[in-house]
Protein backbone atom coordinates (compact mmCIF):
# COMPACT_ATOMS: atom_id res chain seq x y z
CA UNK A 1 8.05 16.06 27.69
CA UNK A 2 11.16 15.70 25.38
CA UNK A 3 10.47 17.51 22.08
CA UNK A 4 10.36 15.04 19.18
CA UNK A 5 13.03 15.38 16.43
CA UNK A 6 11.98 15.17 12.94
CA UNK A 7 14.03 11.93 12.11
CA UNK A 8 12.35 10.13 15.02
CA UNK A 9 9.00 10.86 13.66
CA UNK A 10 9.85 9.75 10.11
CA UNK A 11 11.51 6.53 11.43
CA UNK A 12 8.40 5.95 13.60
CA UNK A 13 6.10 6.31 10.62
CA UNK A 14 8.41 3.96 8.66
CA UNK A 15 8.04 1.27 11.09
CA UNK A 16 4.45 1.67 11.62
CA UNK A 17 3.96 1.05 7.95
CA UNK A 18 6.50 -1.58 7.83
CA UNK A 19 4.12 -3.41 10.53
CA UNK A 20 0.70 -2.45 8.78
CA UNK A 21 1.67 -2.72 5.15
CA UNK A 22 4.55 -4.99 4.85
CA UNK A 23 3.27 -7.77 7.45
CA UNK A 24 -0.42 -6.93 8.00
CA UNK A 25 -1.05 -6.67 4.28
CA UNK A 26 1.54 -8.19 2.20
CA UNK A 27 3.01 -11.09 4.29
CA UNK A 28 0.35 -12.96 2.78
CA UNK A 29 1.88 -12.73 -0.81
CA UNK A 30 5.03 -14.58 0.04
CA UNK A 31 3.33 -16.85 2.26
CA UNK A 32 0.76 -18.08 -0.26
CA UNK A 33 2.96 -20.60 -2.00
CA UNK A 34 3.73 -22.19 1.40
CA UNK A 35 -0.08 -22.23 2.13
CA UNK A 36 -0.79 -23.62 -1.28
CA UNK A 37 2.10 -26.25 -0.90
CA UNK A 38 0.61 -27.36 2.72
CA UNK A 39 -2.83 -27.85 0.98
CA UNK A 40 -4.64 -25.67 3.34
CA UNK A 41 -5.88 -23.31 0.51
CA UNK A 42 -6.31 -23.24 -3.29
CA UNK A 43 -5.94 -20.48 -5.70
CA UNK A 44 -9.66 -19.51 -5.84
CA UNK A 45 -9.78 -19.42 -1.96
CA UNK A 46 -6.63 -17.48 -1.82
CA UNK A 47 -8.09 -14.78 -4.32
CA UNK A 48 -11.13 -14.41 -1.81
CA UNK A 49 -8.89 -14.07 1.18
CA UNK A 50 -7.07 -11.36 -0.88
CA UNK A 51 -10.61 -9.72 -1.72
CA UNK A 52 -11.42 -10.09 2.10
CA UNK A 53 -8.30 -7.89 3.11
CA UNK A 54 -8.66 -5.38 0.30
CA UNK A 55 -12.56 -4.96 1.31
CA UNK A 56 -11.31 -4.41 4.91
CA UNK A 57 -8.91 -1.79 3.72
CA UNK A 58 -11.52 0.09 1.78
CA UNK A 59 -13.85 0.01 4.70
CA UNK A 60 -11.25 1.17 6.96
CA UNK A 61 -10.03 4.04 4.69
CA UNK A 62 -13.85 5.15 4.11
CA UNK A 63 -14.10 5.43 8.05
CA UNK A 64 -11.01 7.71 8.21
CA UNK A 65 -12.33 9.66 5.21
CA UNK A 66 -15.82 10.07 7.16
CA UNK A 67 -14.28 10.86 10.51
CA UNK A 68 -14.19 14.71 10.10
CA UNK A 69 -17.60 14.72 8.89
CA UNK A 70 -18.89 12.68 11.94
CA UNK A 71 -17.11 14.86 14.22
CA UNK A 72 -18.69 17.87 12.84
CA UNK A 73 -22.01 16.30 13.00
CA UNK A 74 -22.00 14.84 16.31
CA UNK A 75 -19.92 16.89 18.71
CA UNK A 76 -20.53 14.71 21.49
CA UNK A 77 -18.24 11.83 19.97
CA UNK A 78 -14.67 12.18 21.12
CA UNK A 79 -11.91 13.16 18.39
CA UNK A 80 -9.77 10.10 17.53
CA UNK A 81 -6.31 11.02 18.23
CA UNK A 82 -4.09 10.22 15.26
CA UNK A 83 -1.45 8.42 17.45
CA UNK A 84 -4.01 6.42 19.66
CA UNK A 85 -5.63 5.36 16.36
CA UNK A 86 -2.18 4.25 14.95
CA UNK A 87 -1.68 2.32 18.27
CA UNK A 88 -4.77 0.56 18.09
CA UNK A 89 -4.21 -0.53 14.36
CA UNK A 90 -0.78 -1.71 15.23
CA UNK A 91 -1.96 -3.80 18.03
CA UNK A 92 -4.80 -5.41 15.91
CA UNK A 93 -2.41 -6.11 13.18
CA UNK A 94 -0.24 -8.23 15.61
CA UNK A 95 -2.96 -10.03 17.07
CA UNK A 96 -4.49 -10.94 13.52
CA UNK A 97 -1.32 -11.83 12.09
CA UNK A 98 -0.68 -14.16 15.02
CA UNK A 99 -4.48 -15.54 14.48
CA UNK A 100 -3.46 -16.72 11.06
CA UNK A 101 -0.89 -19.26 12.50
CA UNK A 102 -4.07 -21.16 14.03
CA UNK A 103 -5.44 -23.75 11.52
CA UNK A 104 -8.85 -22.00 11.62
CA UNK A 105 -9.67 -21.67 8.01
CA UNK A 106 -13.39 -20.76 8.52
CA UNK A 107 -12.00 -17.66 10.49
CA UNK A 108 -9.22 -16.59 7.96
CA UNK A 109 -11.60 -14.38 5.70
CA UNK A 110 -12.39 -12.35 8.87
CA UNK A 111 -8.95 -12.13 10.16
CA UNK A 112 -7.89 -10.92 6.75
CA UNK A 113 -10.86 -8.42 6.46
CA UNK A 114 -10.17 -7.03 10.02
CA UNK A 115 -6.30 -6.79 9.01
CA UNK A 116 -7.23 -4.58 6.08
CA UNK A 117 -9.02 -2.34 8.20
CA UNK A 118 -6.18 -2.17 10.74
CA UNK A 119 -3.77 -1.36 7.72
CA UNK A 120 -5.95 1.36 6.46
CA UNK A 121 -6.25 3.07 9.88
CA UNK A 122 -2.34 2.77 10.43
CA UNK A 123 -1.80 4.28 7.00
CA UNK A 124 -4.04 7.22 6.72
CA UNK A 125 -3.11 8.29 10.41
CA UNK A 126 0.57 7.73 10.14
CA UNK A 127 0.70 9.53 6.83
CA UNK A 128 -1.54 12.40 8.09
CA UNK A 129 0.51 12.70 11.50
CA UNK A 130 3.88 12.30 10.17
CA UNK A 131 3.41 14.64 7.02
CA UNK A 132 1.71 17.36 9.31
CA UNK A 133 4.72 17.02 12.07
CA UNK A 134 7.52 17.11 9.56
CA UNK A 135 6.07 20.01 7.68
CA UNK A 136 5.49 21.89 10.90
CA UNK A 137 9.09 21.26 11.88
CA UNK A 138 10.44 22.37 8.58
CA UNK A 139 11.54 18.85 7.31
CA UNK A 140 8.76 17.92 4.68
CA UNK A 141 11.49 16.04 2.52
CA UNK A 142 11.81 13.47 5.40
CA UNK A 143 8.56 12.17 4.27
CA UNK A 144 10.16 9.84 2.15
CA UNK A 145 11.63 7.99 4.93
CA UNK A 146 8.15 7.23 6.27
CA UNK A 147 7.20 5.27 3.05
CA UNK A 148 10.53 3.22 2.89
CA UNK A 149 8.30 1.34 5.58
CA UNK A 150 6.13 -0.85 3.23
CA UNK A 151 9.40 -1.64 1.31
CA UNK A 152 11.22 -2.72 4.23
CA UNK A 153 8.33 -4.67 5.52
CA UNK A 154 7.85 -6.61 2.29
CA UNK A 155 11.61 -7.34 1.72
CA UNK A 156 12.12 -8.67 5.38
CA UNK A 157 8.93 -10.90 5.16
CA UNK A 158 9.95 -11.98 1.65
CA UNK A 159 13.52 -12.98 2.62
CA UNK A 160 12.36 -14.60 5.84
CA UNK A 161 9.85 -16.76 3.69
CA UNK A 162 12.61 -17.55 1.22
CA UNK A 163 14.55 -18.90 4.04
CA UNK A 164 11.53 -20.74 5.67
CA UNK A 165 10.71 -22.47 2.31
CA UNK A 166 14.43 -23.67 2.07
CA UNK A 167 13.93 -24.92 5.72
CA UNK A 168 10.54 -26.58 4.77
CA UNK A 169 8.83 -24.60 7.58
CA UNK A 170 4.97 -24.79 7.38
CA UNK A 171 2.97 -21.65 6.69
CA UNK A 172 1.38 -21.72 10.16
CA UNK A 173 4.85 -21.44 11.57
CA UNK A 174 5.56 -18.64 9.33
CA UNK A 175 2.51 -16.59 10.38
CA UNK A 176 3.51 -17.01 13.99
CA UNK A 177 7.27 -15.95 13.02
CA UNK A 178 5.61 -12.72 11.50
CA UNK A 179 3.58 -12.13 14.47
CA UNK A 180 6.55 -12.09 16.66
CA UNK A 181 8.39 -9.69 14.05
CA UNK A 182 5.35 -7.32 14.34
CA UNK A 183 5.40 -7.33 18.18
CA UNK A 184 9.11 -6.31 18.08
CA UNK A 185 8.50 -3.44 15.70
CA UNK A 186 5.49 -2.31 17.25
CA UNK A 187 7.48 -2.03 20.71
CA UNK A 188 10.07 -0.01 19.00
CA UNK A 189 7.79 2.41 17.51
CA UNK A 190 5.28 2.83 20.66
CA UNK A 191 7.16 5.51 22.59
CA UNK A 192 7.27 7.96 19.62
CA UNK A 193 3.65 7.64 19.07
CA UNK A 194 2.29 10.68 20.95
CA UNK A 195 0.62 13.94 20.31
CA UNK A 196 -2.12 14.83 18.33
CA UNK A 197 -2.85 16.75 14.87
CA UNK A 198 -5.93 18.84 14.37
CA UNK A 199 -8.24 18.05 11.73
CA UNK A 200 -11.14 19.90 9.96
CA UNK A 201 -14.72 19.14 10.56
CA UNK A 202 -15.58 19.75 6.83
CA UNK A 203 -16.30 16.71 4.83
CA UNK A 204 -14.42 15.88 1.63
CA UNK A 205 -15.64 17.91 -1.39
CA UNK A 206 -15.37 16.31 -4.65
CA UNK A 207 -16.63 19.16 -6.76
CA UNK A 208 -13.58 21.19 -6.56
CA UNK A 209 -9.96 20.98 -5.20
CA UNK A 210 -9.00 24.52 -4.11
CA UNK A 211 -9.87 25.79 -7.69
CA UNK A 212 -7.10 23.46 -8.94
CA UNK A 213 -7.50 19.95 -10.16
CA UNK A 214 -11.27 18.21 -9.91
CA UNK A 215 -10.72 15.84 -7.05
CA UNK A 216 -13.19 13.09 -8.62
CA UNK A 217 -10.54 12.76 -11.57
CA UNK A 218 -7.64 12.92 -9.53
CA UNK A 219 -9.18 9.97 -7.26
CA UNK A 220 -10.22 7.99 -10.11
CA UNK A 221 -6.49 8.24 -11.54
CA UNK A 222 -5.23 7.22 -8.03
CA UNK A 223 -7.75 4.54 -7.73
CA UNK A 224 -6.42 2.98 -11.19
CA UNK A 225 -3.15 2.60 -9.60
CA UNK A 226 -4.84 0.16 -6.84
CA UNK A 227 -6.08 -1.85 -9.74
CA UNK A 228 -2.98 -1.57 -11.69
CA UNK A 229 -0.38 -3.03 -9.01
CA UNK A 230 -2.52 -5.46 -7.15
CA UNK A 231 -2.41 -8.57 -9.48
CA UNK A 232 1.36 -8.70 -9.21
CA UNK A 233 1.56 -7.63 -5.38
CA UNK A 234 -0.88 -10.51 -4.71
CA UNK A 235 0.23 -13.37 -7.02
CA UNK A 236 3.99 -12.47 -8.05
CA UNK A 237 5.42 -15.51 -6.56
CA UNK A 238 2.78 -17.90 -8.08
CA UNK A 239 3.15 -16.14 -11.56
CA UNK A 240 6.72 -16.62 -11.36
CA UNK A 241 6.35 -20.34 -10.49
CA UNK A 242 4.01 -20.81 -13.39
CA UNK A 243 6.64 -19.21 -15.97
CA UNK A 244 9.64 -20.63 -14.32
CA UNK A 245 9.02 -24.00 -12.55
CA UNK A 246 11.91 -25.35 -10.77
CA UNK A 247 13.90 -22.11 -10.68
CA UNK A 248 15.90 -21.56 -7.35
CA UNK A 249 15.45 -17.90 -7.78
CA UNK A 250 11.69 -17.93 -7.62
CA UNK A 251 11.45 -16.54 -4.06
CA UNK A 252 13.69 -13.66 -4.47
CA UNK A 253 11.44 -11.85 -6.78
CA UNK A 254 9.06 -10.57 -4.00
CA UNK A 255 12.02 -9.35 -1.75
CA UNK A 256 13.39 -7.69 -4.94
CA UNK A 257 10.17 -6.03 -5.18
CA UNK A 258 10.25 -4.81 -1.66
CA UNK A 259 13.70 -3.52 -2.11
CA UNK A 260 12.55 -1.58 -5.01
CA UNK A 261 9.72 -0.03 -2.78
CA UNK A 262 12.35 1.19 -0.13
CA UNK A 263 14.78 2.60 -2.82
CA UNK A 264 11.90 4.40 -4.56
CA UNK A 265 10.72 5.95 -1.41
CA UNK A 266 14.29 7.12 -0.52
CA UNK A 267 14.81 8.67 -4.00
CA UNK A 268 11.78 10.87 -3.51
CA UNK A 269 13.61 12.94 -1.09
CA UNK A 270 15.80 14.19 -3.87
CA UNK A 271 12.99 15.57 -5.88
CA UNK A 272 12.49 19.31 -5.53
CA UNK A 273 9.38 20.31 -3.79
CA UNK A 274 7.96 22.73 -6.57
CA UNK A 275 8.03 19.90 -9.19
CA UNK A 276 4.45 19.22 -10.14
CA UNK A 277 3.32 15.90 -8.39
CA UNK A 278 1.06 14.98 -11.10
CA UNK A 279 4.17 14.79 -13.76
CA UNK A 280 5.89 12.62 -11.22
CA UNK A 281 2.84 10.28 -10.94
CA UNK A 282 2.64 9.90 -14.57
CA UNK A 283 6.21 8.85 -14.70
CA UNK A 284 5.37 6.33 -11.87
CA UNK A 285 2.67 4.91 -13.52
CA UNK A 286 4.34 4.35 -16.79
CA UNK A 287 7.21 2.62 -14.98
CA UNK A 288 4.94 0.12 -13.06
CA UNK A 289 3.10 -0.57 -16.39
CA UNK A 290 6.38 -1.45 -17.96
CA UNK A 291 7.36 -3.61 -15.29
CA UNK A 292 3.99 -5.53 -15.22
CA UNK A 293 4.42 -6.13 -19.01
CA UNK A 294 7.87 -7.34 -18.71
CA UNK A 295 6.39 -10.49 -16.73
CA UNK A 296 4.06 -10.85 -19.86
CA UNK A 297 6.49 -10.42 -22.70
CA UNK A 298 9.61 -11.43 -21.20
CA UNK A 299 8.80 -14.22 -18.69
CA UNK A 300 12.48 -14.98 -17.82
CA UNK A 301 14.70 -14.70 -14.76
CA UNK A 302 16.06 -11.50 -15.94
CA UNK A 303 12.47 -10.17 -17.04
CA UNK A 304 10.84 -10.90 -13.76
CA UNK A 305 13.85 -9.28 -11.79
CA UNK A 306 13.66 -6.05 -13.69
CA UNK A 307 9.93 -6.10 -13.52
CA UNK A 308 9.91 -6.53 -9.92
CA UNK A 309 12.17 -3.62 -9.36
CA UNK A 310 10.17 -1.38 -11.89
CA UNK A 311 6.92 -2.12 -10.07
CA UNK A 312 8.42 -1.72 -6.58
CA UNK A 313 10.33 1.58 -7.25
CA UNK A 314 7.42 3.71 -7.87
CA UNK A 315 5.01 1.84 -5.47
CA UNK A 316 5.11 4.06 -2.39
CA UNK A 317 6.31 7.03 -4.38
CA UNK A 318 2.88 7.10 -5.99
CA UNK A 319 1.23 7.21 -2.50
CA UNK A 320 3.66 9.79 -1.23
CA UNK A 321 3.10 12.20 -4.40
CA UNK A 322 -0.67 11.85 -4.11
CA UNK A 323 -0.45 12.54 -0.61
CA UNK A 324 1.55 15.81 -1.11
CA UNK A 325 -0.62 16.83 -3.88
CA UNK A 326 -3.53 16.45 -1.52
CA UNK A 327 -1.72 18.69 1.19
CA UNK A 328 -1.34 21.28 -1.35
CA UNK A 329 -4.94 21.17 -2.44
CA UNK A 330 -6.11 20.95 1.09
CA UNK A 331 -3.52 21.82 3.64
CA UNK A 332 -6.22 21.96 6.43
CA UNK A 333 -8.19 18.50 6.95
CA UNK A 334 -5.76 16.58 4.59
CA UNK A 335 -6.44 13.38 6.46
CA UNK A 336 -10.06 13.25 5.56
CA UNK A 337 -8.86 13.55 1.89
CA UNK A 338 -6.01 11.08 2.46
CA UNK A 339 -8.83 8.66 3.66
CA UNK A 340 -11.00 9.30 0.49
CA UNK A 341 -8.05 8.70 -1.78
CA UNK A 342 -7.18 5.45 0.18
CA UNK A 343 -10.72 4.18 -0.08
CA UNK A 344 -10.88 4.67 -3.88
CA UNK A 345 -7.53 3.04 -4.29
CA UNK A 346 -8.79 0.27 -2.28
CA UNK A 347 -11.77 -0.18 -4.59
CA UNK A 348 -9.23 -0.95 -7.36
CA UNK A 349 -7.62 -3.31 -5.22
CA UNK A 350 -10.71 -5.12 -4.55
CA UNK A 351 -11.43 -5.64 -8.08
CA UNK A 352 -8.22 -7.06 -8.67
CA UNK A 353 -8.30 -10.64 -7.20
CA UNK A 354 -11.89 -11.58 -8.51
CA UNK A 355 -10.88 -10.33 -11.89
CA UNK A 356 -7.80 -12.86 -11.65
CA UNK A 357 -10.11 -15.56 -10.46
CA UNK A 358 -12.52 -14.96 -13.34
CA UNK A 359 -9.80 -15.05 -16.05
CA UNK A 360 -8.10 -18.06 -14.61
CA UNK A 361 -11.37 -20.02 -14.81
CA UNK A 362 -12.03 -18.95 -18.42
CA UNK A 363 -8.62 -19.52 -19.69
CA UNK A 364 -6.93 -22.63 -21.11
CA UNK A 365 -4.31 -22.63 -18.31
CA UNK A 366 -3.12 -20.61 -15.36
CA UNK A 367 -0.43 -19.04 -17.55
CA UNK A 368 -2.79 -17.53 -20.07
CA UNK A 369 -5.09 -16.34 -17.42
CA UNK A 370 -2.17 -14.63 -15.49
CA UNK A 371 -0.96 -12.98 -18.73
CA UNK A 372 -4.49 -11.45 -19.35
CA UNK A 373 -4.88 -10.30 -15.84
CA UNK A 374 -1.33 -8.36 -16.16
CA UNK A 375 -2.11 -6.91 -19.40
CA UNK A 376 -5.50 -5.41 -18.06
CA UNK A 377 -3.53 -4.17 -15.03
CA UNK A 378 -0.99 -2.32 -17.34
CA UNK A 379 -3.80 -0.76 -19.12
CA UNK A 380 -5.44 0.48 -16.04
CA UNK A 381 -2.13 2.26 -15.24
CA UNK A 382 -1.85 3.82 -18.70
CA UNK A 383 -5.37 5.23 -18.44
CA UNK A 384 -4.25 6.71 -15.25
CA UNK A 385 -1.36 8.41 -17.13
CA UNK A 386 -3.83 9.88 -19.68
CA UNK A 387 -6.02 11.21 -16.67
CA UNK A 388 -3.29 13.00 -14.93
CA UNK A 389 -2.11 14.36 -18.38
CA UNK A 390 -5.64 15.83 -18.85
CA UNK A 391 -5.42 17.46 -15.24
CA UNK A 392 -1.91 19.02 -16.04
CA UNK A 393 -3.32 20.58 -19.26
CA UNK A 394 -6.46 21.73 -17.79
CA UNK A 395 -5.31 22.81 -14.23
CA UNK A 396 -1.70 23.81 -14.50
CA UNK A 397 0.25 24.72 -11.35
CA UNK A 398 1.87 28.06 -10.93
CA UNK A 399 5.54 27.91 -11.48
CA UNK A 400 6.32 29.19 -8.00
CA UNK A 401 4.02 26.99 -6.17
CA UNK A 402 5.53 24.60 -3.73
CA UNK A 403 4.62 21.97 -0.99
CA UNK A 404 4.44 23.20 2.40
């Protein structure tokens, strides 16, 4: 069997996340205005569809987090090979995306729920497999390439949706097109998905993290990022239409967000490995909060454009830095902790859409409701900054510490 090259592994991870996250999860965002226009859904129903997806994501992440514990408890259970799980998640994403093209609204919540589970499966195991393989091959910096994937998927799906809107394409046809795109990307990545990475059978321990940061506080801070970005990530095209009705640039804000996601992931390659990831997380949270507030206090073409970039640039960088911190704290069995953090992050996402729906119902108009939702999202990110700052002060990292 031909040895795998580090760049090939990183690109396989990138395309896997492009399918699972950029299409399986976030294609819903640029297609939501099309679904609203076609009259197949309204805003309250859209909020619950989003919640179903985030709930599935949370349960999928919890399953990944508990897998090492289940393996340790019932030895008769077969170990889930990372690459086999990734393949299963990608196939499910393809089928569920194609399923959204069928006019079967009663089944859509289930499809979105299962798509969320598949996304979590692919995300956790792709991250764990790629990070471990790149570290073993002495190329940990290439991890930034992996997390270009969500931005690539978001940008491509956003631009495609823009062209479809211009061509008066119906939402069902758009879902079908994205399903075909997912098939193509999955076929490209399939040959590289081979091999396994050993995991620890020790369940995640929240009480201590290798004598460093209390994992419970770290997980809470990371979970706040899930709530902080999700309002914008779900409703950005709709929010922009409320603020700038009739603008020809409305459909470009979401691809611009995706461009920021990809660029931010690439920029992480330039950061020295010995920098404290918690400091970097504080900067990322502050940047996202600033981008969110631009949509509230500068609701103009320029404001939304800059805001989209500021929210997108640290989006996957936050995930990468958190995963690197987990590998520093728990070099053995990192996938269980990655699953745990992803589950906490998912709880924040689950809370976002119902909170928006509640504010929309109790506000004088949609613009006011979205403004309140964005303000609370930014506040949650700033609280996360404070928590990371507390961890840095109470649990400093040695100056010569470096990521493996």
